[in-house]
């Protein structure tokens, strides 16, 4: 599969770098918010803001991205925004800053998800769809588990700042890897 379809391999790489970044923080997000003197409610509502913003971006930009053929560019911009949002946590000194970072993450997620899925569907091989989606989703699930373990380990051994730098670098790497996907003519 991989030898014959390097575009899918590149898309899986981009997605897995982003998944790894996101789930380094996911399970310990409330602990981070509490370090700023805030509550579990603030953790939940700021994470919820990210979801609502991502939905709004998905619903409002999809037609434009389709019409202009900007799936690759939207994906790269989304990974870049996710990197900026991750690094934004470093600057947060109060919960309002976290809401801003999560808003940026919502924009990034809203650009990445539908664009990545469209590109993956475009390049999948006929007759191998289940296998290829199995690789995409299975590797993402595996990395969710790995990241959940290592996120806490990084914070325990170093700091939340080290975690956020790692997350930002992973998202930027996902964006850079996306440039390896050529625009379709």
N, C-alpha and C. Protein backbone atom coordinates (compact mmCIF):
# COMPACT_ATOMS: atom_id res chain seq x y z
N UNK A 1 0.82 -1.20 0.00
CA UNK A 1 0.00 0.00 0.00
C UNK A 1 0.86 1.26 0.00
N UNK A 2 1.85 1.34 0.91
CA UNK A 2 2.62 2.58 1.04
C UNK A 2 3.50 2.86 -0.16
N UNK A 3 4.07 1.80 -0.72
CA UNK A 3 4.96 1.98 -1.87
C UNK A 3 4.18 2.57 -3.05
N UNK A 4 2.94 2.16 -3.17
CA UNK A 4 2.13 2.59 -4.30
C UNK A 4 1.35 3.88 -4.04
N UNK A 5 1.31 4.33 -2.79
CA UNK A 5 0.51 5.51 -2.48
C UNK A 5 1.18 6.38 -1.42
N UNK A 6 2.25 7.05 -1.80
CA UNK A 6 2.96 7.89 -0.83
C UNK A 6 2.13 9.08 -0.34
N UNK A 7 1.11 9.50 -1.09
CA UNK A 7 0.27 10.61 -0.63
C UNK A 7 -0.50 10.23 0.63
N UNK A 8 -1.01 8.99 0.68
CA UNK A 8 -1.70 8.56 1.89
C UNK A 8 -0.75 8.47 3.07
N UNK A 9 0.45 7.98 2.82
CA UNK A 9 1.44 7.89 3.89
C UNK A 9 1.76 9.28 4.44
N UNK A 10 1.89 10.25 3.56
CA UNK A 10 2.17 11.63 3.99
C UNK A 10 1.00 12.20 4.80
N UNK A 11 -0.22 11.93 4.35
CA UNK A 11 -1.39 12.41 5.09
C UNK A 11 -1.48 11.75 6.47
N UNK A 12 -1.17 10.46 6.53
CA UNK A 12 -1.18 9.77 7.84
C UNK A 12 -0.10 10.36 8.74
N UNK A 13 1.06 10.67 8.18
CA UNK A 13 2.13 11.30 8.97
C UNK A 13 1.65 12.63 9.55
N UNK A 14 1.06 13.48 8.70
CA UNK A 14 0.56 14.78 9.17
C UNK A 14 -0.45 14.58 10.30
N UNK A 15 -1.41 13.72 10.07
CA UNK A 15 -2.46 13.49 11.07
C UNK A 15 -1.88 12.94 12.37
N UNK A 16 -0.96 12.00 12.25
CA UNK A 16 -0.41 11.38 13.46
C UNK A 16 0.45 12.35 14.27
N UNK A 17 1.17 13.23 13.62
CA UNK A 17 1.92 14.25 14.35
C UNK A 17 0.95 15.14 15.13
N UNK A 18 -0.14 15.51 14.49
CA UNK A 18 -1.13 16.36 15.14
C UNK A 18 -1.85 15.63 16.28
N UNK A 19 -2.21 14.40 16.05
CA UNK A 19 -2.86 13.59 17.10
C UNK A 19 -1.93 13.45 18.30
N UNK A 20 -0.68 13.14 18.02
CA UNK A 20 0.30 13.00 19.10
C UNK A 20 0.37 14.30 19.90
N UNK A 21 0.43 15.43 19.23
CA UNK A 21 0.49 16.72 19.90
C UNK A 21 -0.75 16.95 20.77
N UNK A 22 -1.90 16.78 20.19
CA UNK A 22 -3.16 17.05 20.90
C UNK A 22 -3.31 16.19 22.14
N UNK A 23 -3.01 14.91 22.03
CA UNK A 23 -3.27 14.00 23.14
C UNK A 23 -2.14 13.92 24.14
N UNK A 24 -1.04 14.65 23.89
CA UNK A 24 -0.07 14.83 24.97
C UNK A 24 -0.73 15.62 26.10
N UNK A 25 -1.61 16.54 25.74
CA UNK A 25 -2.27 17.40 26.73
C UNK A 25 -3.64 16.89 27.15
N UNK A 26 -4.39 16.31 26.22
CA UNK A 26 -5.79 15.98 26.46
C UNK A 26 -6.13 15.45 27.84
N UNK A 27 -5.52 14.35 28.28
CA UNK A 27 -5.89 13.77 29.56
C UNK A 27 -5.50 14.60 30.78
N UNK A 28 -4.55 15.51 30.62
CA UNK A 28 -4.10 16.29 31.78
C UNK A 28 -4.45 17.77 31.63
N UNK A 29 -5.35 18.07 30.71
CA UNK A 29 -5.73 19.46 30.45
C UNK A 29 -6.29 20.14 31.69
N UNK A 30 -7.18 19.47 32.40
CA UNK A 30 -7.76 20.07 33.61
C UNK A 30 -6.69 20.37 34.66
N UNK A 31 -5.69 19.51 34.75
CA UNK A 31 -4.59 19.77 35.68
C UNK A 31 -3.85 21.05 35.31
N UNK A 32 -3.64 21.25 34.02
CA UNK A 32 -2.98 22.47 33.56
C UNK A 32 -3.81 23.70 33.93
N UNK A 33 -5.10 23.65 33.63
CA UNK A 33 -5.97 24.79 33.93
C UNK A 33 -5.95 25.10 35.43
N UNK A 34 -5.90 24.08 36.24
CA UNK A 34 -5.85 24.29 37.69
C UNK A 34 -4.55 24.97 38.13
N UNK A 35 -3.46 24.80 37.37
CA UNK A 35 -2.21 25.49 37.73
C UNK A 35 -2.35 27.00 37.58
N UNK A 36 -3.33 27.44 36.79
CA UNK A 36 -3.59 28.86 36.62
C UNK A 36 -4.58 29.38 37.66
N UNK A 37 -4.94 28.51 38.60
CA UNK A 37 -5.87 28.90 39.64
C UNK A 37 -7.32 28.84 39.20
N UNK A 38 -7.58 28.13 38.13
CA UNK A 38 -8.95 28.05 37.64
C UNK A 38 -9.57 26.69 37.97
N UNK A 39 -10.74 26.43 37.46
CA UNK A 39 -11.54 25.29 37.89
C UNK A 39 -11.74 24.26 36.78
N UNK A 40 -12.32 23.15 37.18
CA UNK A 40 -12.69 22.11 36.23
C UNK A 40 -13.72 22.66 35.24
N UNK A 41 -14.61 23.52 35.71
CA UNK A 41 -15.58 24.15 34.81
C UNK A 41 -14.88 24.96 33.73
N UNK A 42 -13.86 25.71 34.11
CA UNK A 42 -13.09 26.49 33.13
C UNK A 42 -12.39 25.58 32.13
N UNK A 43 -11.88 24.47 32.61
CA UNK A 43 -11.24 23.51 31.70
C UNK A 43 -12.27 22.98 30.70
N UNK A 44 -13.41 22.58 31.21
CA UNK A 44 -14.44 22.05 30.32
C UNK A 44 -14.98 23.08 29.35
N UNK A 45 -15.22 24.29 29.84
CA UNK A 45 -15.79 25.30 28.96
C UNK A 45 -14.77 25.81 27.93
N UNK A 46 -13.50 25.87 28.29
CA UNK A 46 -12.50 26.30 27.30
C UNK A 46 -12.28 25.23 26.25
N UNK A 47 -12.33 23.95 26.65
CA UNK A 47 -12.24 22.86 25.67
C UNK A 47 -13.48 22.88 24.80
N UNK A 48 -14.63 23.16 25.40
CA UNK A 48 -15.87 23.27 24.64
C UNK A 48 -15.83 24.41 23.64
N UNK A 49 -15.22 25.53 24.02
CA UNK A 49 -15.07 26.64 23.09
C UNK A 49 -14.30 26.20 21.86
N UNK A 50 -13.23 25.44 22.06
CA UNK A 50 -12.46 24.94 20.92
C UNK A 50 -13.36 24.14 19.98
N UNK A 51 -14.20 23.29 20.54
CA UNK A 51 -15.09 22.46 19.72
C UNK A 51 -16.10 23.30 18.95
N UNK A 52 -16.68 24.30 19.62
CA UNK A 52 -17.68 25.15 18.97
C UNK A 52 -17.03 26.00 17.88
N UNK A 53 -15.87 26.54 18.15
CA UNK A 53 -15.17 27.33 17.13
C UNK A 53 -14.81 26.44 15.94
N UNK A 54 -14.33 25.24 16.20
CA UNK A 54 -13.97 24.35 15.09
C UNK A 54 -15.21 24.02 14.25
N UNK A 55 -16.34 23.78 14.89
CA UNK A 55 -17.57 23.51 14.15
C UNK A 55 -17.96 24.71 13.30
N UNK A 56 -17.88 25.90 13.86
CA UNK A 56 -18.23 27.11 13.11
C UNK A 56 -17.32 27.29 11.90
N UNK A 57 -16.03 27.03 12.08
CA UNK A 57 -15.09 27.15 10.96
C UNK A 57 -15.39 26.10 9.89
N UNK A 58 -15.63 24.87 10.32
CA UNK A 58 -15.96 23.81 9.36
C UNK A 58 -17.20 24.17 8.54
N UNK A 59 -18.24 24.63 9.22
CA UNK A 59 -19.51 24.93 8.55
C UNK A 59 -19.44 26.18 7.69
N UNK A 60 -18.59 27.12 8.04
CA UNK A 60 -18.56 28.39 7.30
C UNK A 60 -17.52 28.44 6.19
N UNK A 61 -16.52 27.57 6.21
CA UNK A 61 -15.46 27.67 5.20
C UNK A 61 -15.45 26.54 4.18
N UNK A 62 -16.19 25.49 4.44
CA UNK A 62 -16.13 24.31 3.57
C UNK A 62 -16.43 24.59 2.12
N UNK A 63 -17.47 25.32 1.85
CA UNK A 63 -17.86 25.62 0.47
C UNK A 63 -16.77 26.42 -0.24
N UNK A 64 -16.21 27.41 0.45
CA UNK A 64 -15.15 28.23 -0.13
C UNK A 64 -13.92 27.38 -0.43
N UNK A 65 -13.52 26.54 0.52
CA UNK A 65 -12.34 25.68 0.32
C UNK A 65 -12.56 24.75 -0.85
N UNK A 66 -13.75 24.16 -0.95
CA UNK A 66 -14.07 23.28 -2.08
C UNK A 66 -14.02 24.04 -3.39
N UNK A 67 -14.67 25.18 -3.44
CA UNK A 67 -14.78 25.96 -4.67
C UNK A 67 -13.41 26.41 -5.18
N UNK A 68 -12.52 26.77 -4.27
CA UNK A 68 -11.20 27.28 -4.66
C UNK A 68 -10.14 26.18 -4.73
N UNK A 69 -10.48 24.95 -4.32
CA UNK A 69 -9.50 23.87 -4.34
C UNK A 69 -8.36 24.07 -3.34
N UNK A 70 -8.69 24.57 -2.17
CA UNK A 70 -7.68 24.94 -1.18
C UNK A 70 -7.52 23.91 -0.06
N UNK A 71 -7.89 22.67 -0.30
CA UNK A 71 -7.85 21.67 0.76
C UNK A 71 -6.46 21.54 1.37
N UNK A 72 -5.44 21.41 0.53
CA UNK A 72 -4.06 21.28 1.01
C UNK A 72 -3.65 22.51 1.82
N UNK A 73 -3.94 23.69 1.29
CA UNK A 73 -3.56 24.92 1.96
C UNK A 73 -4.31 25.11 3.28
N UNK A 74 -5.58 24.75 3.28
CA UNK A 74 -6.37 24.85 4.52
C UNK A 74 -5.83 23.89 5.57
N UNK A 75 -5.43 22.70 5.14
CA UNK A 75 -4.86 21.73 6.07
C UNK A 75 -3.57 22.28 6.68
N UNK A 76 -2.70 22.80 5.86
CA UNK A 76 -1.42 23.35 6.33
C UNK A 76 -1.68 24.54 7.26
N UNK A 77 -2.60 25.43 6.88
CA UNK A 77 -2.93 26.58 7.73
C UNK A 77 -3.50 26.10 9.07
N UNK A 78 -4.30 25.05 9.02
CA UNK A 78 -4.87 24.51 10.25
C UNK A 78 -3.82 23.95 11.19
N UNK A 79 -2.89 23.18 10.65
CA UNK A 79 -1.81 22.66 11.50
C UNK A 79 -0.97 23.80 12.07
N UNK A 80 -0.76 24.84 11.27
CA UNK A 80 -0.01 26.00 11.75
C UNK A 80 -0.75 26.68 12.90
N UNK A 81 -2.05 26.86 12.75
CA UNK A 81 -2.85 27.46 13.82
C UNK A 81 -2.82 26.60 15.07
N UNK A 82 -2.89 25.28 14.91
CA UNK A 82 -2.80 24.39 16.07
C UNK A 82 -1.45 24.52 16.76
N UNK A 83 -0.39 24.72 15.99
CA UNK A 83 0.93 24.94 16.58
C UNK A 83 0.97 26.24 17.36
N UNK A 84 0.38 27.29 16.79
CA UNK A 84 0.35 28.58 17.49
C UNK A 84 -0.50 28.49 18.76
N UNK A 85 -1.62 27.80 18.68
CA UNK A 85 -2.46 27.63 19.86
C UNK A 85 -1.74 26.86 20.95
N UNK A 86 -1.00 25.83 20.56
CA UNK A 86 -0.24 25.05 21.53
C UNK A 86 0.82 25.92 22.21
N UNK A 87 1.53 26.70 21.41
CA UNK A 87 2.55 27.58 21.98
C UNK A 87 1.92 28.72 22.78
N UNK A 88 0.68 29.07 22.45
CA UNK A 88 -0.02 30.11 23.19
C UNK A 88 -0.24 29.76 24.66
N UNK A 89 -0.33 28.46 24.94
CA UNK A 89 -0.49 28.05 26.34
C UNK A 89 0.70 28.49 27.19
N UNK A 90 1.87 28.59 26.58
CA UNK A 90 3.07 29.01 27.32
C UNK A 90 2.89 30.43 27.86
N UNK A 91 2.23 31.26 27.10
CA UNK A 91 2.06 32.66 27.48
C UNK A 91 0.90 32.89 28.44
N UNK A 92 0.07 31.89 28.63
CA UNK A 92 -1.13 32.05 29.46
C UNK A 92 -0.77 32.23 30.93
N UNK A 93 -1.26 33.32 31.49
CA UNK A 93 -1.08 33.57 32.92
C UNK A 93 -2.42 33.60 33.64
N UNK A 94 -3.50 33.56 32.87
CA UNK A 94 -4.84 33.52 33.44
C UNK A 94 -5.76 32.77 32.48
N UNK A 95 -6.92 32.40 32.96
CA UNK A 95 -7.80 31.53 32.18
C UNK A 95 -8.27 32.19 30.88
N UNK A 96 -8.40 33.50 30.86
CA UNK A 96 -8.79 34.17 29.62
C UNK A 96 -7.82 33.91 28.49
N UNK A 97 -6.53 33.82 28.82
CA UNK A 97 -5.52 33.51 27.81
C UNK A 97 -5.71 32.10 27.27
N UNK A 98 -6.11 31.20 28.12
CA UNK A 98 -6.35 29.81 27.70
C UNK A 98 -7.53 29.77 26.72
N UNK A 99 -8.56 30.55 27.00
CA UNK A 99 -9.69 30.61 26.09
C UNK A 99 -9.25 31.11 24.71
N UNK A 100 -8.37 32.10 24.68
CA UNK A 100 -7.85 32.61 23.40
C UNK A 100 -7.07 31.51 22.68
N UNK A 101 -6.18 30.82 23.40
CA UNK A 101 -5.41 29.73 22.79
C UNK A 101 -6.34 28.65 22.26
N UNK A 102 -7.38 28.33 23.01
CA UNK A 102 -8.33 27.30 22.56
C UNK A 102 -9.14 27.79 21.36
N UNK A 103 -9.42 29.08 21.29
CA UNK A 103 -10.08 29.62 20.11
C UNK A 103 -9.21 29.44 18.87
N UNK A 104 -7.93 29.73 19.01
CA UNK A 104 -6.98 29.53 17.90
C UNK A 104 -6.94 28.04 17.52
N UNK A 105 -6.90 27.17 18.52
CA UNK A 105 -6.92 25.74 18.25
C UNK A 105 -8.20 25.33 17.53
N UNK A 106 -9.31 25.95 17.90
CA UNK A 106 -10.57 25.65 17.23
C UNK A 106 -10.54 26.02 15.75
N UNK A 107 -9.95 27.17 15.44
CA UNK A 107 -9.79 27.56 14.03
C UNK A 107 -8.94 26.53 13.31
N UNK A 108 -7.82 26.15 13.94
CA UNK A 108 -6.95 25.16 13.31
C UNK A 108 -7.64 23.83 13.07
N UNK A 109 -8.31 23.34 14.07
CA UNK A 109 -9.02 22.07 13.94
C UNK A 109 -10.10 22.16 12.88
N UNK A 110 -10.80 23.30 12.84
CA UNK A 110 -11.85 23.49 11.85
C UNK A 110 -11.35 23.50 10.42
N UNK A 111 -10.12 23.93 10.22
CA UNK A 111 -9.52 23.90 8.88
C UNK A 111 -8.95 22.52 8.55
N UNK A 112 -8.35 21.87 9.54
CA UNK A 112 -7.66 20.60 9.30
C UNK A 112 -8.63 19.46 9.01
N UNK A 113 -9.58 19.25 9.88
CA UNK A 113 -10.37 18.02 9.82
C UNK A 113 -11.05 17.77 8.47
N UNK A 114 -11.89 18.69 7.98
CA UNK A 114 -12.56 18.39 6.71
C UNK A 114 -11.60 18.36 5.52
N UNK A 115 -10.59 19.22 5.55
CA UNK A 115 -9.63 19.26 4.44
C UNK A 115 -8.82 17.97 4.39
N UNK A 116 -8.34 17.51 5.55
CA UNK A 116 -7.57 16.27 5.60
C UNK A 116 -8.42 15.10 5.13
N UNK A 117 -9.66 15.03 5.59
CA UNK A 117 -10.54 13.92 5.19
C UNK A 117 -10.81 13.92 3.70
N UNK A 118 -11.01 15.11 3.12
CA UNK A 118 -11.24 15.18 1.67
C UNK A 118 -10.02 14.70 0.90
N UNK A 119 -8.85 15.15 1.32
CA UNK A 119 -7.62 14.73 0.64
C UNK A 119 -7.41 13.21 0.78
N UNK A 120 -7.64 12.69 1.97
CA UNK A 120 -7.45 11.26 2.19
C UNK A 120 -8.41 10.46 1.31
N UNK A 121 -9.67 10.89 1.25
CA UNK A 121 -10.66 10.20 0.42
C UNK A 121 -10.29 10.30 -1.06
N UNK A 122 -9.75 11.43 -1.46
CA UNK A 122 -9.36 11.63 -2.86
C UNK A 122 -8.25 10.66 -3.27
N UNK A 123 -7.31 10.41 -2.38
CA UNK A 123 -6.14 9.62 -2.73
C UNK A 123 -6.22 8.15 -2.33
N UNK A 124 -7.31 7.74 -1.66
CA UNK A 124 -7.40 6.34 -1.27
C UNK A 124 -7.53 5.46 -2.51
N UNK A 125 -7.11 4.22 -2.37
CA UNK A 125 -7.13 3.28 -3.48
C UNK A 125 -8.44 2.52 -3.51
N UNK A 126 -9.04 2.44 -4.69
CA UNK A 126 -10.29 1.70 -4.87
C UNK A 126 -10.07 0.24 -4.46
N UNK A 127 -10.98 -0.27 -3.69
CA UNK A 127 -10.91 -1.66 -3.24
C UNK A 127 -10.08 -1.85 -1.98
N UNK A 128 -9.42 -0.78 -1.50
CA UNK A 128 -8.62 -0.87 -0.29
C UNK A 128 -9.04 0.16 0.76
N UNK A 129 -10.25 0.68 0.61
CA UNK A 129 -10.70 1.77 1.47
C UNK A 129 -10.70 1.40 2.95
N UNK A 130 -11.22 0.23 3.27
CA UNK A 130 -11.30 -0.16 4.69
C UNK A 130 -9.90 -0.34 5.27
N UNK A 131 -9.02 -0.98 4.52
CA UNK A 131 -7.65 -1.15 4.99
C UNK A 131 -6.97 0.19 5.19
N UNK A 132 -7.12 1.10 4.23
CA UNK A 132 -6.43 2.38 4.31
C UNK A 132 -7.02 3.27 5.41
N UNK A 133 -8.33 3.28 5.58
CA UNK A 133 -8.93 4.02 6.69
C UNK A 133 -8.58 3.34 8.01
N UNK A 134 -8.44 2.02 8.00
CA UNK A 134 -8.01 1.31 9.20
C UNK A 134 -6.62 1.75 9.64
N UNK A 135 -5.73 1.94 8.69
CA UNK A 135 -4.39 2.43 9.02
C UNK A 135 -4.44 3.85 9.56
N UNK A 136 -5.25 4.69 8.93
CA UNK A 136 -5.35 6.08 9.39
C UNK A 136 -5.92 6.13 10.81
N UNK A 137 -7.04 5.48 11.01
CA UNK A 137 -7.69 5.55 12.32
C UNK A 137 -6.98 4.70 13.37
N UNK A 138 -6.48 3.54 12.98
CA UNK A 138 -5.78 2.68 13.94
C UNK A 138 -4.49 3.31 14.44
N UNK A 139 -3.74 3.91 13.55
CA UNK A 139 -2.49 4.55 13.99
C UNK A 139 -2.79 5.77 14.86
N UNK A 140 -3.87 6.49 14.55
CA UNK A 140 -4.26 7.64 15.37
C UNK A 140 -4.66 7.18 16.78
N UNK A 141 -5.40 6.09 16.87
CA UNK A 141 -5.80 5.57 18.18
C UNK A 141 -4.58 5.10 18.98
N UNK A 142 -3.67 4.43 18.31
CA UNK A 142 -2.45 3.98 18.97
C UNK A 142 -1.67 5.17 19.53
N UNK A 143 -1.52 6.21 18.73
CA UNK A 143 -0.78 7.39 19.19
C UNK A 143 -1.53 8.17 20.26
N UNK A 144 -2.85 8.10 20.28
CA UNK A 144 -3.61 8.71 21.36
C UNK A 144 -3.21 8.07 22.69
N UNK A 145 -3.12 6.74 22.70
CA UNK A 145 -2.70 6.04 23.91
C UNK A 145 -1.27 6.35 24.30
N UNK A 146 -0.38 6.36 23.35
CA UNK A 146 1.03 6.64 23.61
C UNK A 146 1.18 8.08 24.13
N UNK A 147 0.52 9.02 23.47
CA UNK A 147 0.63 10.43 23.86
C UNK A 147 0.06 10.65 25.26
N UNK A 148 -1.03 9.99 25.57
CA UNK A 148 -1.64 10.15 26.90
C UNK A 148 -0.65 9.77 28.00
N UNK A 149 0.12 8.74 27.76
CA UNK A 149 1.15 8.33 28.72
C UNK A 149 2.28 9.35 28.79
N UNK A 150 2.81 9.73 27.63
CA UNK A 150 3.99 10.59 27.60
C UNK A 150 3.70 12.04 27.99
N UNK A 151 2.48 12.52 27.78
CA UNK A 151 2.16 13.89 28.19
C UNK A 151 2.35 14.08 29.68
N UNK A 152 1.80 13.17 30.46
CA UNK A 152 1.98 13.25 31.91
C UNK A 152 3.42 13.08 32.32
N UNK A 153 4.12 12.20 31.63
CA UNK A 153 5.53 11.96 31.93
C UNK A 153 6.37 13.22 31.68
N UNK A 154 6.11 13.89 30.56
CA UNK A 154 6.85 15.12 30.24
C UNK A 154 6.62 16.18 31.32
N UNK A 155 5.36 16.34 31.74
CA UNK A 155 5.06 17.33 32.76
C UNK A 155 5.72 16.96 34.08
N UNK A 156 5.65 15.70 34.46
CA UNK A 156 6.27 15.26 35.73
C UNK A 156 7.79 15.44 35.70
N UNK A 157 8.41 15.09 34.57
CA UNK A 157 9.87 15.15 34.48
C UNK A 157 10.38 16.57 34.22
N UNK A 158 9.60 17.37 33.51
CA UNK A 158 10.07 18.70 33.12
C UNK A 158 9.07 19.76 33.57
N UNK A 159 8.10 20.06 32.69
CA UNK A 159 7.13 21.12 33.02
C UNK A 159 6.05 21.17 31.95
N UNK A 160 5.00 21.94 32.24
CA UNK A 160 3.99 22.18 31.22
C UNK A 160 4.60 22.95 30.05
N UNK A 161 5.53 23.85 30.33
CA UNK A 161 6.17 24.60 29.24
C UNK A 161 6.87 23.65 28.26
N UNK A 162 7.59 22.68 28.78
CA UNK A 162 8.24 21.69 27.92
C UNK A 162 7.20 20.93 27.09
N UNK A 163 6.07 20.63 27.71
CA UNK A 163 5.00 19.93 27.00
C UNK A 163 4.47 20.80 25.86
N UNK A 164 4.22 22.07 26.14
CA UNK A 164 3.65 22.95 25.11
C UNK A 164 4.63 23.20 23.97
N UNK A 165 5.91 23.30 24.27
CA UNK A 165 6.91 23.43 23.21
C UNK A 165 6.89 22.17 22.34
N UNK A 166 6.85 21.01 22.96
CA UNK A 166 6.80 19.75 22.22
C UNK A 166 5.56 19.71 21.33
N UNK A 167 4.43 20.10 21.90
CA UNK A 167 3.18 20.11 21.12
C UNK A 167 3.28 21.06 19.93
N UNK A 168 3.78 22.26 20.16
CA UNK A 168 3.91 23.23 19.08
C UNK A 168 4.82 22.74 17.97
N UNK A 169 5.93 22.14 18.35
CA UNK A 169 6.87 21.62 17.35
C UNK A 169 6.22 20.51 16.53
N UNK A 170 5.48 19.63 17.18
CA UNK A 170 4.81 18.54 16.46
C UNK A 170 3.79 19.09 15.45
N UNK A 171 3.03 20.11 15.85
CA UNK A 171 2.04 20.69 14.93
C UNK A 171 2.73 21.40 13.75
N UNK A 172 3.81 22.10 14.02
CA UNK A 172 4.55 22.76 12.94
C UNK A 172 5.14 21.71 12.00
N UNK A 173 5.62 20.61 12.54
CA UNK A 173 6.13 19.51 11.70
C UNK A 173 5.01 18.94 10.83
N UNK A 174 3.80 18.85 11.38
CA UNK A 174 2.66 18.38 10.58
C UNK A 174 2.40 19.34 9.42
N UNK A 175 2.45 20.64 9.71
CA UNK A 175 2.25 21.64 8.66
C UNK A 175 3.33 21.54 7.59
N UNK A 176 4.58 21.42 8.02
CA UNK A 176 5.69 21.32 7.06
C UNK A 176 5.58 20.05 6.22
N UNK A 177 5.19 18.95 6.84
CA UNK A 177 5.00 17.71 6.08
C UNK A 177 3.91 17.88 5.03
N UNK A 178 2.90 18.68 5.34
CA UNK A 178 1.82 18.93 4.37
C UNK A 178 2.31 19.57 3.10
N UNK A 179 3.40 20.31 3.16
CA UNK A 179 3.94 20.91 1.95
C UNK A 179 4.47 19.86 0.98
N UNK A 180 4.73 18.66 1.47
CA UNK A 180 5.16 17.58 0.59
C UNK A 180 4.05 17.07 -0.32
N UNK A 181 2.83 17.43 0.00
CA UNK A 181 1.68 17.06 -0.83
C UNK A 181 1.51 18.13 -1.89
N UNK A 182 1.69 17.78 -3.12
CA UNK A 182 1.61 18.75 -4.22
C UNK A 182 0.17 19.18 -4.43
N UNK A 183 0.00 20.43 -4.82
CA UNK A 183 -1.34 20.90 -5.20
C UNK A 183 -1.74 20.19 -6.48
N UNK A 184 -3.01 19.80 -6.53
CA UNK A 184 -3.51 19.19 -7.76
C UNK A 184 -3.78 20.30 -8.77
N UNK A 185 -3.52 19.99 -10.03
CA UNK A 185 -3.73 20.99 -11.09
C UNK A 185 -5.19 21.13 -11.42
